[in-house]
PDB file of N, CA and C in Angstrom:
ATOM      1  N   UNK A   1      -4.633  20.286  -8.787  1.00  0.00           N
ATOM      2  CA  UNK A   1      -4.966  18.913  -9.067  1.00  0.00           C
ATOM      3  C   UNK A   1      -5.926  18.864 -10.249  1.00  0.00           C
ATOM      4  N   UNK A   2      -5.644  17.952 -11.120  1.00  0.00           N
ATOM      5  CA  UNK A   2      -6.544  17.649 -12.235  1.00  0.00           C
ATOM      6  C   UNK A   2      -7.007  16.212 -12.078  1.00  0.00           C
ATOM      7  N   UNK A   3      -8.161  15.903 -12.657  1.00  0.00           N
ATOM      8  CA  UNK A   3      -8.616  14.519 -12.621  1.00  0.00           C
ATOM      9  C   UNK A   3      -9.359  14.172 -13.906  1.00  0.00           C
ATOM     10  N   UNK A   4      -9.304  12.896 -14.220  1.00  0.00           N
ATOM     11  CA  UNK A   4     -10.051  12.334 -15.343  1.00  0.00           C
ATOM     12  C   UNK A   4     -10.788  11.108 -14.826  1.00  0.00           C
ATOM     13  N   UNK A   5     -12.026  10.937 -15.287  1.00  0.00           N
ATOM     14  CA  UNK A   5     -12.802   9.783 -14.870  1.00  0.00           C
ATOM     15  C   UNK A   5     -13.115   8.907 -16.075  1.00  0.00           C
ATOM     16  N   UNK A   6     -13.078   7.599 -15.863  1.00  0.00           N
ATOM     17  CA  UNK A   6     -13.442   6.640 -16.901  1.00  0.00           C
ATOM     18  C   UNK A   6     -14.244   5.519 -16.250  1.00  0.00           C
ATOM     19  N   UNK A   7     -15.300   5.100 -16.912  1.00  0.00           N
ATOM     20  CA  UNK A   7     -16.140   4.028 -16.404  1.00  0.00           C
ATOM     21  C   UNK A   7     -16.118   2.885 -17.409  1.00  0.00           C
ATOM     22  N   UNK A   8     -15.617   1.729 -16.992  1.00  0.00           N
ATOM     23  CA  UNK A   8     -15.554   0.571 -17.892  1.00  0.00           C
ATOM     24  C   UNK A   8     -16.712  -0.399 -17.666  1.00  0.00           C
ATOM     25  N   UNK A   9     -17.701   0.014 -16.894  1.00  0.00           N
ATOM     26  CA  UNK A   9     -18.843  -0.845 -16.600  1.00  0.00           C
ATOM     27  C   UNK A   9     -18.692  -1.649 -15.330  1.00  0.00           C
ATOM     28  N   UNK A  10     -17.452  -1.874 -14.911  1.00  0.00           N
ATOM     29  CA  UNK A  10     -17.208  -2.610 -13.669  1.00  0.00           C
ATOM     30  C   UNK A  10     -16.680  -1.698 -12.569  1.00  0.00           C
ATOM     31  N   UNK A  11     -15.987  -0.642 -12.962  1.00  0.00           N
ATOM     32  CA  UNK A  11     -15.411   0.287 -11.989  1.00  0.00           C
ATOM     33  C   UNK A  11     -15.264   1.664 -12.620  1.00  0.00           C
ATOM     34  N   UNK A  12     -15.290   2.660 -11.774  1.00  0.00           N
ATOM     35  CA  UNK A  12     -14.978   4.021 -12.194  1.00  0.00           C
ATOM     36  C   UNK A  12     -13.547   4.285 -11.774  1.00  0.00           C
ATOM     37  N   UNK A  13     -12.711   4.627 -12.732  1.00  0.00           N
ATOM     38  CA  UNK A  13     -11.323   4.956 -12.425  1.00  0.00           C
ATOM     39  C   UNK A  13     -11.167   6.464 -12.464  1.00  0.00           C
ATOM     40  N   UNK A  14     -10.617   7.005 -11.378  1.00  0.00           N
ATOM     41  CA  UNK A  14     -10.354   8.438 -11.281  1.00  0.00           C
ATOM     42  C   UNK A  14      -8.842   8.613 -11.268  1.00  0.00           C
ATOM     43  N   UNK A  15      -8.316   9.168 -12.347  1.00  0.00           N
ATOM     44  CA  UNK A  15      -6.876   9.417 -12.437  1.00  0.00           C
ATOM     45  C   UNK A  15      -6.602  10.821 -11.910  1.00  0.00           C
ATOM     46  N   UNK A  16      -5.853  10.895 -10.818  1.00  0.00           N
ATOM     47  CA  UNK A  16      -5.483  12.180 -10.223  1.00  0.00           C
ATOM     48  C   UNK A  16      -4.116  12.588 -10.744  1.00  0.00           C
ATOM     49  N   UNK A  17      -3.970  13.884 -10.999  1.00  0.00           N
ATOM     50  CA  UNK A  17      -2.715  14.398 -11.540  1.00  0.00           C
ATOM     51  C   UNK A  17      -2.315  15.672 -10.808  1.00  0.00           C
ATOM     52  N   UNK A  18      -1.030  15.809 -10.532  1.00  0.00           N
ATOM     53  CA  UNK A  18      -0.535  17.019  -9.861  1.00  0.00           C
ATOM     54  C   UNK A  18      -0.367  16.794  -8.378  1.00  0.00           C
ATOM     55  N   UNK A  19      -0.924  17.717  -7.592  1.00  0.00           N
ATOM     56  CA  UNK A  19      -0.766  17.666  -6.144  1.00  0.00           C
ATOM     57  C   UNK A  19      -2.121  17.594  -5.460  1.00  0.00           C
ATOM     58  N   UNK A  20      -2.214  16.699  -4.489  1.00  0.00           N
ATOM     59  CA  UNK A  20      -3.421  16.594  -3.682  1.00  0.00           C
ATOM     60  C   UNK A  20      -3.114  17.228  -2.328  1.00  0.00           C
ATOM     61  N   UNK A  21      -3.559  18.473  -2.185  1.00  0.00           N
ATOM     62  CA  UNK A  21      -3.291  19.247  -0.978  1.00  0.00           C
ATOM     63  C   UNK A  21      -4.447  20.226  -0.752  1.00  0.00           C
ATOM     64  N   UNK A  22      -4.260  21.199   0.131  1.00  0.00           N
ATOM     65  CA  UNK A  22      -5.330  22.142   0.460  1.00  0.00           C
ATOM     66  C   UNK A  22      -5.839  22.868  -0.777  1.00  0.00           C
ATOM     67  N   UNK A  23      -4.967  23.196  -1.696  1.00  0.00           N
ATOM     68  CA  UNK A  23      -5.369  23.920  -2.907  1.00  0.00           C
ATOM     69  C   UNK A  23      -6.326  23.095  -3.772  1.00  0.00           C
ATOM     70  N   UNK A  24      -6.334  21.782  -3.592  1.00  0.00           N
ATOM     71  CA  UNK A  24      -7.193  20.899  -4.387  1.00  0.00           C
ATOM     72  C   UNK A  24      -8.559  20.673  -3.741  1.00  0.00           C
ATOM     73  N   UNK A  25      -8.797  21.276  -2.594  1.00  0.00           N
ATOM     74  CA  UNK A  25     -10.012  21.034  -1.825  1.00  0.00           C
ATOM     75  C   UNK A  25     -11.285  21.260  -2.641  1.00  0.00           C
ATOM     76  N   UNK A  26     -11.384  22.372  -3.320  1.00  0.00           N
ATOM     77  CA  UNK A  26     -12.593  22.712  -4.077  1.00  0.00           C
ATOM     78  C   UNK A  26     -12.792  21.753  -5.256  1.00  0.00           C
ATOM     79  N   UNK A  27     -11.716  21.490  -5.969  1.00  0.00           N
ATOM     80  CA  UNK A  27     -11.780  20.568  -7.106  1.00  0.00           C
ATOM     81  C   UNK A  27     -12.164  19.158  -6.640  1.00  0.00           C
ATOM     82  N   UNK A  28     -11.631  18.754  -5.495  1.00  0.00           N
ATOM     83  CA  UNK A  28     -11.935  17.426  -4.964  1.00  0.00           C
ATOM     84  C   UNK A  28     -13.403  17.340  -4.552  1.00  0.00           C
ATOM     85  N   UNK A  29     -13.952  18.414  -4.024  1.00  0.00           N
ATOM     86  CA  UNK A  29     -15.380  18.438  -3.668  1.00  0.00           C
ATOM     87  C   UNK A  29     -16.245  18.250  -4.909  1.00  0.00           C
ATOM     88  N   UNK A  30     -15.845  18.879  -6.003  1.00  0.00           N
ATOM     89  CA  UNK A  30     -16.550  18.705  -7.267  1.00  0.00           C
ATOM     90  C   UNK A  30     -16.493  17.248  -7.706  1.00  0.00           C
ATOM     91  N   UNK A  31     -15.327  16.661  -7.585  1.00  0.00           N
ATOM     92  CA  UNK A  31     -15.138  15.253  -7.934  1.00  0.00           C
ATOM     93  C   UNK A  31     -16.057  14.365  -7.101  1.00  0.00           C
ATOM     94  N   UNK A  32     -16.123  14.607  -5.803  1.00  0.00           N
ATOM     95  CA  UNK A  32     -16.993  13.799  -4.936  1.00  0.00           C
ATOM     96  C   UNK A  32     -18.449  13.916  -5.360  1.00  0.00           C
ATOM     97  N   UNK A  33     -18.857  15.096  -5.784  1.00  0.00           N
ATOM     98  CA  UNK A  33     -20.215  15.280  -6.283  1.00  0.00           C
ATOM     99  C   UNK A  33     -20.480  14.409  -7.506  1.00  0.00           C
ATOM    100  N   UNK A  34     -19.509  14.319  -8.384  1.00  0.00           N
ATOM    101  CA  UNK A  34     -19.650  13.484  -9.576  1.00  0.00           C
ATOM    102  C   UNK A  34     -19.676  11.992  -9.218  1.00  0.00           C
ATOM    103  N   UNK A  35     -18.968  11.626  -8.165  1.00  0.00           N
ATOM    104  CA  UNK A  35     -18.920  10.222  -7.757  1.00  0.00           C
ATOM    105  C   UNK A  35     -20.146   9.793  -6.956  1.00  0.00           C
ATOM    106  N   UNK A  36     -20.974  10.735  -6.543  1.00  0.00           N
ATOM    107  CA  UNK A  36     -22.128  10.387  -5.711  1.00  0.00           C
ATOM    108  C   UNK A  36     -23.131   9.512  -6.459  1.00  0.00           C
ATOM    109  N   UNK A  37     -23.057   9.472  -7.791  1.00  0.00           N
ATOM    110  CA  UNK A  37     -23.954   8.626  -8.579  1.00  0.00           C
ATOM    111  C   UNK A  37     -23.509   7.168  -8.630  1.00  0.00           C
ATOM    112  N   UNK A  38     -22.280   6.890  -8.219  1.00  0.00           N
ATOM    113  CA  UNK A  38     -21.760   5.526  -8.264  1.00  0.00           C
ATOM    114  C   UNK A  38     -22.247   4.790  -7.022  1.00  0.00           C
ATOM    115  N   UNK A  39     -23.141   3.844  -7.243  1.00  0.00           N
ATOM    116  CA  UNK A  39     -23.683   3.083  -6.114  1.00  0.00           C
ATOM    117  C   UNK A  39     -23.378   1.607  -6.282  1.00  0.00           C
ATOM    118  N   UNK A  40     -23.016   0.992  -5.182  1.00  0.00           N
ATOM    119  CA  UNK A  40     -22.738  -0.435  -5.140  1.00  0.00           C
ATOM    120  C   UNK A  40     -21.760  -0.863  -6.231  1.00  0.00           C
ATOM    121  N   UNK A  41     -20.855   0.005  -6.550  1.00  0.00           N
ATOM    122  CA  UNK A  41     -19.841  -0.293  -7.546  1.00  0.00           C
ATOM    123  C   UNK A  41     -18.464  -0.224  -6.940  1.00  0.00           C
ATOM    124  N   UNK A  42     -17.516   0.187  -7.747  1.00  0.00           N
ATOM    125  CA  UNK A  42     -16.132   0.284  -7.295  1.00  0.00           C
ATOM    126  C   UNK A  42     -15.507   1.527  -7.900  1.00  0.00           C
ATOM    127  N   UNK A  43     -14.767   2.248  -7.069  1.00  0.00           N
ATOM    128  CA  UNK A  43     -14.034   3.428  -7.523  1.00  0.00           C
ATOM    129  C   UNK A  43     -12.555   3.185  -7.264  1.00  0.00           C
ATOM    130  N   UNK A  44     -11.764   3.372  -8.301  1.00  0.00           N
ATOM    131  CA  UNK A  44     -10.318   3.221  -8.206  1.00  0.00           C
ATOM    132  C   UNK A  44      -9.692   4.595  -8.395  1.00  0.00           C
ATOM    133  N   UNK A  45      -8.956   5.044  -7.403  1.00  0.00           N
ATOM    134  CA  UNK A  45      -8.194   6.286  -7.535  1.00  0.00           C
ATOM    135  C   UNK A  45      -6.806   5.927  -8.042  1.00  0.00           C
ATOM    136  N   UNK A  46      -6.525   6.272  -9.283  1.00  0.00           N
ATOM    137  CA  UNK A  46      -5.214   6.029  -9.892  1.00  0.00           C
ATOM    138  C   UNK A  46      -4.298   7.180  -9.480  1.00  0.00           C
ATOM    139  N   UNK A  47      -3.307   6.873  -8.656  1.00  0.00           N
ATOM    140  CA  UNK A  47      -2.410   7.896  -8.106  1.00  0.00           C
ATOM    141  C   UNK A  47      -1.077   7.973  -8.850  1.00  0.00           C
ATOM    142  N   UNK A  48      -0.958   7.290  -9.974  1.00  0.00           N
ATOM    143  CA  UNK A  48       0.327   7.211 -10.675  1.00  0.00           C
ATOM    144  C   UNK A  48       0.832   8.564 -11.188  1.00  0.00           C
ATOM    145  N   UNK A  49      -0.066   9.519 -11.425  1.00  0.00           N
ATOM    146  CA  UNK A  49       0.353  10.842 -11.896  1.00  0.00           C
ATOM    147  C   UNK A  49       0.276  11.900 -10.799  1.00  0.00           C
ATOM    148  N   UNK A  50       0.098  11.445  -9.572  1.00  0.00           N
ATOM    149  CA  UNK A  50       0.060  12.365  -8.434  1.00  0.00           C
ATOM    150  C   UNK A  50       1.485  12.564  -7.938  1.00  0.00           C
ATOM    151  N   UNK A  51       1.989  13.772  -8.087  1.00  0.00           N
ATOM    152  CA  UNK A  51       3.387  14.039  -7.728  1.00  0.00           C
ATOM    153  C   UNK A  51       3.586  14.294  -6.240  1.00  0.00           C
ATOM    154  N   UNK A  52       2.543  14.766  -5.563  1.00  0.00           N
ATOM    155  CA  UNK A  52       2.671  15.124  -4.145  1.00  0.00           C
ATOM    156  C   UNK A  52       1.315  15.012  -3.473  1.00  0.00           C
ATOM    157  N   UNK A  53       1.342  14.551  -2.231  1.00  0.00           N
ATOM    158  CA  UNK A  53       0.150  14.542  -1.399  1.00  0.00           C
ATOM    159  C   UNK A  53       0.580  14.867   0.021  1.00  0.00           C
ATOM    160  N   UNK A  54      -0.142  15.781   0.667  1.00  0.00           N
ATOM    161  CA  UNK A  54       0.164  16.095   2.059  1.00  0.00           C
ATOM    162  C   UNK A  54      -0.960  15.580   2.950  1.00  0.00           C
ATOM    163  N   UNK A  55      -0.940  15.969   4.216  1.00  0.00           N
ATOM    164  CA  UNK A  55      -1.930  15.454   5.166  1.00  0.00           C
ATOM    165  C   UNK A  55      -3.349  15.896   4.813  1.00  0.00           C
ATOM    166  N   UNK A  56      -3.487  17.082   4.241  1.00  0.00           N
ATOM    167  CA  UNK A  56      -4.820  17.531   3.816  1.00  0.00           C
ATOM    168  C   UNK A  56      -5.316  16.649   2.671  1.00  0.00           C
ATOM    169  N   UNK A  57      -4.438  16.351   1.726  1.00  0.00           N
ATOM    170  CA  UNK A  57      -4.799  15.462   0.625  1.00  0.00           C
ATOM    171  C   UNK A  57      -5.202  14.089   1.130  1.00  0.00           C
ATOM    172  N   UNK A  58      -4.479  13.588   2.113  1.00  0.00           N
ATOM    173  CA  UNK A  58      -4.824  12.311   2.713  1.00  0.00           C
ATOM    174  C   UNK A  58      -6.207  12.396   3.356  1.00  0.00           C
ATOM    175  N   UNK A  59      -6.468  13.500   4.022  1.00  0.00           N
ATOM    176  CA  UNK A  59      -7.789  13.716   4.624  1.00  0.00           C
ATOM    177  C   UNK A  59      -8.895  13.715   3.574  1.00  0.00           C
ATOM    178  N   UNK A  60      -8.613  14.261   2.401  1.00  0.00           N
ATOM    179  CA  UNK A  60      -9.596  14.258   1.319  1.00  0.00           C
ATOM    180  C   UNK A  60      -9.904  12.833   0.865  1.00  0.00           C
ATOM    181  N   UNK A  61      -8.894  11.981   0.838  1.00  0.00           N
ATOM    182  CA  UNK A  61      -9.128  10.584   0.479  1.00  0.00           C
ATOM    183  C   UNK A  61      -9.970   9.872   1.541  1.00  0.00           C
ATOM    184  N   UNK A  62      -9.751  10.209   2.818  1.00  0.00           N
ATOM    185  CA  UNK A  62     -10.581   9.637   3.884  1.00  0.00           C
ATOM    186  C   UNK A  62     -12.034  10.086   3.729  1.00  0.00           C
ATOM    187  N   UNK A  63     -12.229  11.355   3.381  1.00  0.00           N
ATOM    188  CA  UNK A  63     -13.592  11.863   3.157  1.00  0.00           C
ATOM    189  C   UNK A  63     -14.239  11.116   2.002  1.00  0.00           C
ATOM    190  N   UNK A  64     -13.482  10.905   0.917  1.00  0.00           N
ATOM    191  CA  UNK A  64     -14.011  10.159  -0.231  1.00  0.00           C
ATOM    192  C   UNK A  64     -14.414   8.758   0.193  1.00  0.00           C
ATOM    193  N   UNK A  65     -13.580   8.113   0.996  1.00  0.00           N
ATOM    194  CA  UNK A  65     -13.884   6.750   1.459  1.00  0.00           C
ATOM    195  C   UNK A  65     -15.172   6.737   2.263  1.00  0.00           C
ATOM    196  N   UNK A  66     -15.332   7.683   3.163  1.00  0.00           N
ATOM    197  CA  UNK A  66     -16.559   7.768   3.965  1.00  0.00           C
ATOM    198  C   UNK A  66     -17.782   7.954   3.077  1.00  0.00           C
ATOM    199  N   UNK A  67     -17.685   8.886   2.130  1.00  0.00           N
ATOM    200  CA  UNK A  67     -18.804   9.164   1.222  1.00  0.00           C
ATOM    201  C   UNK A  67     -19.166   7.923   0.416  1.00  0.00           C
ATOM    202  N   UNK A  68     -18.164   7.272  -0.145  1.00  0.00           N
ATOM    203  CA  UNK A  68     -18.414   6.101  -0.974  1.00  0.00           C
ATOM    204  C   UNK A  68     -18.940   4.931  -0.149  1.00  0.00           C
ATOM    205  N   UNK A  69     -18.423   4.775   1.073  1.00  0.00           N
ATOM    206  CA  UNK A  69     -18.907   3.713   1.954  1.00  0.00           C
ATOM    207  C   UNK A  69     -20.405   3.852   2.224  1.00  0.00           C
ATOM    208  N   UNK A  70     -20.890   5.082   2.374  1.00  0.00           N
ATOM    209  CA  UNK A  70     -22.321   5.283   2.653  1.00  0.00           C
ATOM    210  C   UNK A  70     -23.192   4.848   1.481  1.00  0.00           C
ATOM    211  N   UNK A  71     -22.623   4.809   0.271  1.00  0.00           N
ATOM    212  CA  UNK A  71     -23.368   4.367  -0.915  1.00  0.00           C
ATOM    213  C   UNK A  71     -23.108   2.895  -1.231  1.00  0.00           C
ATOM    214  N   UNK A  72     -22.331   2.226  -0.390  1.00  0.00           N
ATOM    215  CA  UNK A  72     -22.001   0.830  -0.633  1.00  0.00           C
ATOM    216  C   UNK A  72     -20.998   0.645  -1.757  1.00  0.00           C
ATOM    217  N   UNK A  73     -20.204   1.674  -2.005  1.00  0.00           N
ATOM    218  CA  UNK A  73     -19.221   1.648  -3.084  1.00  0.00           C
ATOM    219  C   UNK A  73     -17.836   1.363  -2.522  1.00  0.00           C
ATOM    220  N   UNK A  74     -17.177   0.367  -3.081  1.00  0.00           N
ATOM    221  CA  UNK A  74     -15.814   0.018  -2.666  1.00  0.00           C
ATOM    222  C   UNK A  74     -14.835   1.007  -3.285  1.00  0.00           C
ATOM    223  N   UNK A  75     -13.755   1.277  -2.578  1.00  0.00           N
ATOM    224  CA  UNK A  75     -12.749   2.225  -3.049  1.00  0.00           C
ATOM    225  C   UNK A  75     -11.368   1.624  -2.893  1.00  0.00           C
ATOM    226  N   UNK A  76     -10.525   1.841  -3.880  1.00  0.00           N
ATOM    227  CA  UNK A  76      -9.126   1.446  -3.723  1.00  0.00           C
ATOM    228  C   UNK A  76      -8.223   2.501  -4.337  1.00  0.00           C
ATOM    229  N   UNK A  77      -6.985   2.496  -3.880  1.00  0.00           N
ATOM    230  CA  UNK A  77      -5.953   3.398  -4.383  1.00  0.00           C
ATOM    231  C   UNK A  77      -4.997   2.570  -5.216  1.00  0.00           C
ATOM    232  N   UNK A  78      -4.667   3.051  -6.402  1.00  0.00           N
ATOM    233  CA  UNK A  78      -3.819   2.273  -7.298  1.00  0.00           C
ATOM    234  C   UNK A  78      -2.581   3.049  -7.708  1.00  0.00           C
ATOM    235  N   UNK A  79      -1.480   2.326  -7.807  1.00  0.00           N
ATOM    236  CA  UNK A  79      -0.217   2.803  -8.369  1.00  0.00           C
ATOM    237  C   UNK A  79       0.340   4.091  -7.744  1.00  0.00           C
ATOM    238  N   UNK A  80       0.350   4.197  -6.416  1.00  0.00           N
ATOM    239  CA  UNK A  80       0.937   5.410  -5.837  1.00  0.00           C
ATOM    240  C   UNK A  80       2.442   5.474  -6.083  1.00  0.00           C
ATOM    241  N   UNK A  81       2.928   6.669  -6.392  1.00  0.00           N
ATOM    242  CA  UNK A  81       4.372   6.881  -6.528  1.00  0.00           C
ATOM    243  C   UNK A  81       5.012   6.704  -5.160  1.00  0.00           C
ATOM    244  N   UNK A  82       6.326   6.582  -5.143  1.00  0.00           N
ATOM    245  CA  UNK A  82       7.031   6.260  -3.901  1.00  0.00           C
ATOM    246  C   UNK A  82       6.787   7.276  -2.787  1.00  0.00           C
ATOM    247  N   UNK A  83       6.791   8.574  -3.098  1.00  0.00           N
ATOM    248  CA  UNK A  83       6.587   9.590  -2.056  1.00  0.00           C
ATOM    249  C   UNK A  83       5.172   9.514  -1.487  1.00  0.00           C
ATOM    250  N   UNK A  84       4.193   9.275  -2.354  1.00  0.00           N
ATOM    251  CA  UNK A  84       2.805   9.164  -1.904  1.00  0.00           C
ATOM    252  C   UNK A  84       2.628   7.870  -1.110  1.00  0.00           C
ATOM    253  N   UNK A  85       3.204   6.787  -1.592  1.00  0.00           N
ATOM    254  CA  UNK A  85       3.125   5.516  -0.879  1.00  0.00           C
ATOM    255  C   UNK A  85       3.771   5.633   0.494  1.00  0.00           C
ATOM    256  N   UNK A  86       4.872   6.337   0.573  1.00  0.00           N
ATOM    257  CA  UNK A  86       5.562   6.519   1.857  1.00  0.00           C
ATOM    258  C   UNK A  86       4.651   7.232   2.861  1.00  0.00           C
ATOM    259  N   UNK A  87       3.957   8.282   2.422  1.00  0.00           N
ATOM    260  CA  UNK A  87       3.021   8.988   3.302  1.00  0.00           C
ATOM    261  C   UNK A  87       1.914   8.040   3.760  1.00  0.00           C
ATOM    262  N   UNK A  88       1.386   7.239   2.850  1.00  0.00           N
ATOM    263  CA  UNK A  88       0.335   6.295   3.209  1.00  0.00           C
ATOM    264  C   UNK A  88       0.830   5.287   4.243  1.00  0.00           C
ATOM    265  N   UNK A  89       2.065   4.840   4.099  1.00  0.00           N
ATOM    266  CA  UNK A  89       2.632   3.886   5.049  1.00  0.00           C
ATOM    267  C   UNK A  89       2.964   4.540   6.384  1.00  0.00           C
ATOM    268  N   UNK A  90       3.559   5.726   6.359  1.00  0.00           N
ATOM    269  CA  UNK A  90       3.929   6.415   7.605  1.00  0.00           C
ATOM    270  C   UNK A  90       2.714   6.743   8.471  1.00  0.00           C
ATOM    271  N   UNK A  91       1.610   7.058   7.829  1.00  0.00           N
ATOM    272  CA  UNK A  91       0.394   7.415   8.566  1.00  0.00           C
ATOM    273  C   UNK A  91      -0.491   6.201   8.829  1.00  0.00           C
ATOM    274  N   UNK A  92      -0.010   5.028   8.407  1.00  0.00           N
ATOM    275  CA  UNK A  92      -0.737   3.772   8.539  1.00  0.00           C
ATOM    276  C   UNK A  92      -2.064   3.784   7.794  1.00  0.00           C
ATOM    277  N   UNK A  93      -2.182   4.668   6.806  1.00  0.00           N
ATOM    278  CA  UNK A  93      -3.371   4.688   5.955  1.00  0.00           C
ATOM    279  C   UNK A  93      -3.445   3.434   5.105  1.00  0.00           C
ATOM    280  N   UNK A  94      -2.303   2.791   4.921  1.00  0.00           N
ATOM    281  CA  UNK A  94      -2.286   1.544   4.147  1.00  0.00           C
ATOM    282  C   UNK A  94      -3.061   0.432   4.860  1.00  0.00           C
ATOM    283  N   UNK A  95      -3.384   0.646   6.132  1.00  0.00           N
ATOM    284  CA  UNK A  95      -4.187  -0.319   6.865  1.00  0.00           C
ATOM    285  C   UNK A  95      -5.693  -0.039   6.673  1.00  0.00           C
ATOM    286  N   UNK A  96      -6.017   1.170   6.265  1.00  0.00           N
ATOM    287  CA  UNK A  96      -7.418   1.567   6.047  1.00  0.00           C
ATOM    288  C   UNK A  96      -7.823   1.394   4.593  1.00  0.00           C
ATOM    289  N   UNK A  97      -6.927   1.798   3.705  1.00  0.00           N
ATOM    290  CA  UNK A  97      -7.236   1.766   2.266  1.00  0.00           C
ATOM    291  C   UNK A  97      -6.727   0.493   1.620  1.00  0.00           C
ATOM    292  N   UNK A  98      -7.457   0.030   0.640  1.00  0.00           N
ATOM    293  CA  UNK A  98      -7.007  -1.057  -0.221  1.00  0.00           C
ATOM    294  C   UNK A  98      -6.081  -0.416  -1.250  1.00  0.00           C
ATOM    295  N   UNK A  99      -4.798  -0.769  -1.228  1.00  0.00           N
ATOM    296  CA  UNK A  99      -3.805  -0.146  -2.108  1.00  0.00           C
ATOM    297  C   UNK A  99      -3.246  -1.208  -3.047  1.00  0.00           C
ATOM    298  N   UNK A 100      -3.356  -0.929  -4.351  1.00  0.00           N
ATOM    299  CA  UNK A 100      -2.836  -1.833  -5.379  1.00  0.00           C
ATOM    300  C   UNK A 100      -1.602  -1.204  -6.008  1.00  0.00           C
ATOM    301  N   UNK A 101      -0.482  -1.968  -6.076  1.00  0.00           N
ATOM    302  CA  UNK A 101       0.743  -1.409  -6.671  1.00  0.00           C
ATOM    303  C   UNK A 101       0.614  -1.138  -8.165  1.00  0.00           C
TER     304      UNK A 101
END
């Protein structure tokens, strides 16, 4: 997994690329460390370049949500590809996360 971050003053957008799975665990932890400075703002995870996500990857997004919630930071998932969106719907994660097409 690769990621790029951009801050437009209103939100931090994190563009994820590749696969979000167990192999991305360490990289995702680094990302969460970088996001810990975002307080009372908004973080958008752009999933448009994410080719695959498994249950571990989904768990990483739940961890991110918990971390950001403790800082009062809103989180949303944007532009998931069909396979990723299907996983979010099958696991009913779409009821927990704010998902923007």
